[in-house]
Amino acid sequence: MSEQVAVRPWGNSQGIRIPKNILEKLNIGISDTLQIEIEDDAIVLKKTFKHKTFEERVAEYDGKISVCDFDWGEPVGKELL
């Protein structure tokens, strides 16, 4: 997929508008955060990790509980055992 966009003034900066069909294809919405990188002679935008809400997590919960032990290491101070 290839489209051309124009760089336009936006306050003291410049900006581009990303076409709606591209945003929909990549599931990018208003207020999503994108990481901008320069690779060779290209500008690359990547969608960043988005934390899920409590409601989203509950909706995905399958009823299973996993418990794991965590090794905190040896005591190094006045920890209570």
C-alpha atoms as a PDB file:
ATOM      1  CA  MET A   1       0.000   0.000   0.000  1.00  0.00           C
ATOM      2  CA  SER A   2       1.444   3.339  -0.992  1.00  0.00           C
ATOM      3  CA  GLU A   3      -0.013   6.824  -0.753  1.00  0.00           C
ATOM      4  CA  GLN A   4       1.396  10.315  -0.904  1.00  0.00           C
ATOM      5  CA  VAL A   5       0.744  12.926   1.775  1.00  0.00           C
ATOM      6  CA  ALA A   6       1.867  16.536   2.022  1.00  0.00           C
ATOM      7  CA  VAL A   7       3.768  18.083   4.912  1.00  0.00           C
ATOM      8  CA  ARG A   8       1.772  21.049   6.266  1.00  0.00           C
ATOM      9  CA  PRO A   9       2.399  23.634   8.982  1.00  0.00           C
ATOM     10  CA  TRP A  10       0.978  22.727  12.393  1.00  0.00           C
ATOM     11  CA  GLY A  11       1.683  25.384  14.998  1.00  0.00           C
ATOM     12  CA  ASN A  12       5.464  25.760  15.260  1.00  0.00           C
ATOM     13  CA  SER A  13       5.982  22.312  13.711  1.00  0.00           C
ATOM     14  CA  GLN A  14       4.985  20.468  10.574  1.00  0.00           C
ATOM     15  CA  GLY A  15       2.679  17.500  10.289  1.00  0.00           C
ATOM     16  CA  ILE A  16       1.057  15.019   7.952  1.00  0.00           C
ATOM     17  CA  ARG A  17      -2.421  13.556   7.917  1.00  0.00           C
ATOM     18  CA  ILE A  18      -2.630   9.793   7.852  1.00  0.00           C
ATOM     19  CA  PRO A  19      -5.483   8.595   5.616  1.00  0.00           C
ATOM     20  CA  LYS A  20      -8.429   6.968   7.378  1.00  0.00           C
ATOM     21  CA  ASN A  21      -8.132   3.676   5.463  1.00  0.00           C
ATOM     22  CA  ILE A  22      -4.552   3.216   6.711  1.00  0.00           C
ATOM     23  CA  LEU A  23      -5.529   3.999  10.307  1.00  0.00           C
ATOM     24  CA  GLU A  24      -8.403   1.499  10.123  1.00  0.00           C
ATOM     25  CA  LYS A  25      -6.204  -1.202   8.579  1.00  0.00           C
ATOM     26  CA  LEU A  26      -3.675  -0.824  11.416  1.00  0.00           C
ATOM     27  CA  ASN A  27      -6.345  -0.380  14.102  1.00  0.00           C
ATOM     28  CA  ILE A  28      -4.991   3.035  15.135  1.00  0.00           C
ATOM     29  CA  GLY A  29      -7.434   5.372  16.837  1.00  0.00           C
ATOM     30  CA  ILE A  30      -7.565   8.821  18.368  1.00  0.00           C
ATOM     31  CA  SER A  31      -5.118   9.240  21.286  1.00  0.00           C
ATOM     32  CA  ASP A  32      -3.126   6.103  20.377  1.00  0.00           C
ATOM     33  CA  THR A  33       0.596   6.645  20.801  1.00  0.00           C
ATOM     34  CA  LEU A  34       3.014   5.993  17.947  1.00  0.00           C
ATOM     35  CA  GLN A  35       6.776   5.552  18.143  1.00  0.00           C
ATOM     36  CA  ILE A  36       8.639   7.473  15.432  1.00  0.00           C
ATOM     37  CA  GLU A  37      11.970   6.136  14.186  1.00  0.00           C
ATOM     38  CA  ILE A  38      14.370   6.932  11.384  1.00  0.00           C
ATOM     39  CA  GLU A  39      15.626   3.909   9.433  1.00  0.00           C
ATOM     40  CA  ASP A  40      18.039   4.683   6.616  1.00  0.00           C
ATOM     41  CA  ASP A  41      16.195   7.410   4.693  1.00  0.00           C
ATOM     42  CA  ALA A  42      12.690   6.492   5.922  1.00  0.00           C
ATOM     43  CA  ILE A  43      10.406   7.661   8.732  1.00  0.00           C
ATOM     44  CA  VAL A  44       8.846   4.625  10.446  1.00  0.00           C
ATOM     45  CA  LEU A  45       5.811   4.912  12.726  1.00  0.00           C
ATOM     46  CA  LYS A  46       5.053   1.999  15.065  1.00  0.00           C
ATOM     47  CA  LYS A  47       2.113   1.535  17.375  1.00  0.00           C
ATOM     48  CA  THR A  48       3.315   1.340  20.975  1.00  0.00           C
ATOM     49  CA  PHE A  49       2.176  -1.092  23.658  1.00  0.00           C
ATOM     50  CA  LYS A  50      -1.192  -0.156  25.127  1.00  0.00           C
ATOM     51  CA  HIS A  51      -2.114  -1.202  28.645  1.00  0.00           C
ATOM     52  CA  LYS A  52      -5.448  -2.959  28.875  1.00  0.00           C
ATOM     53  CA  THR A  53      -8.184  -1.644  31.136  1.00  0.00           C
ATOM     54  CA  PHE A  54      -9.449  -3.723  34.043  1.00  0.00           C
ATOM     55  CA  GLU A  55     -12.632  -4.401  32.077  1.00  0.00           C
ATOM     56  CA  GLU A  56     -10.633  -5.658  29.059  1.00  0.00           C
ATOM     57  CA  ARG A  57      -8.609  -7.961  31.307  1.00  0.00           C
ATOM     58  CA  VAL A  58     -11.720  -9.367  33.001  1.00  0.00           C
ATOM     59  CA  ALA A  59     -13.334  -9.981  29.609  1.00  0.00           C
ATOM     60  CA  GLU A  60     -10.305 -12.094  28.585  1.00  0.00           C
ATOM     61  CA  TYR A  61     -10.105 -14.018  31.886  1.00  0.00           C
ATOM     62  CA  ASP A  62     -10.631 -17.755  31.365  1.00  0.00           C
ATOM     63  CA  GLY A  63     -11.157 -18.711  35.030  1.00  0.00           C
ATOM     64  CA  LYS A  64      -7.746 -20.292  35.517  1.00  0.00           C
ATOM     65  CA  ILE A  65      -5.368 -19.048  38.193  1.00  0.00           C
ATOM     66  CA  SER A  66      -1.653 -19.576  37.789  1.00  0.00           C
ATOM     67  CA  VAL A  67       0.542 -19.370  40.854  1.00  0.00           C
ATOM     68  CA  CYS A  68       4.297 -19.246  40.643  1.00  0.00           C
ATOM     69  CA  ASP A  69       7.013 -18.943  43.266  1.00  0.00           C
ATOM     70  CA  PHE A  70       9.374 -16.004  43.061  1.00  0.00           C
ATOM     71  CA  ASP A  71      12.911 -16.148  44.387  1.00  0.00           C
ATOM     72  CA  TRP A  72      13.643 -12.839  46.116  1.00  0.00           C
ATOM     73  CA  GLY A  73      17.247 -13.857  46.792  1.00  0.00           C
ATOM     74  CA  GLU A  74      19.094 -13.901  50.094  1.00  0.00           C
ATOM     75  CA  PRO A  75      18.261 -11.330  52.799  1.00  0.00           C
ATOM     76  CA  VAL A  76      20.561  -8.323  52.574  1.00  0.00           C
ATOM     77  CA  GLY A  77      19.402  -6.219  55.522  1.00  0.00           C
ATOM     78  CA  LYS A  78      16.932  -6.373  58.386  1.00  0.00           C
ATOM     79  CA  GLU A  79      14.148  -8.132  56.513  1.00  0.00           C
ATOM     80  CA  LEU A  80      11.731 -10.154  58.618  1.00  0.00           C
ATOM     81  CA  LEU A  81      11.641 -13.806  57.682  1.00  0.00           C
END
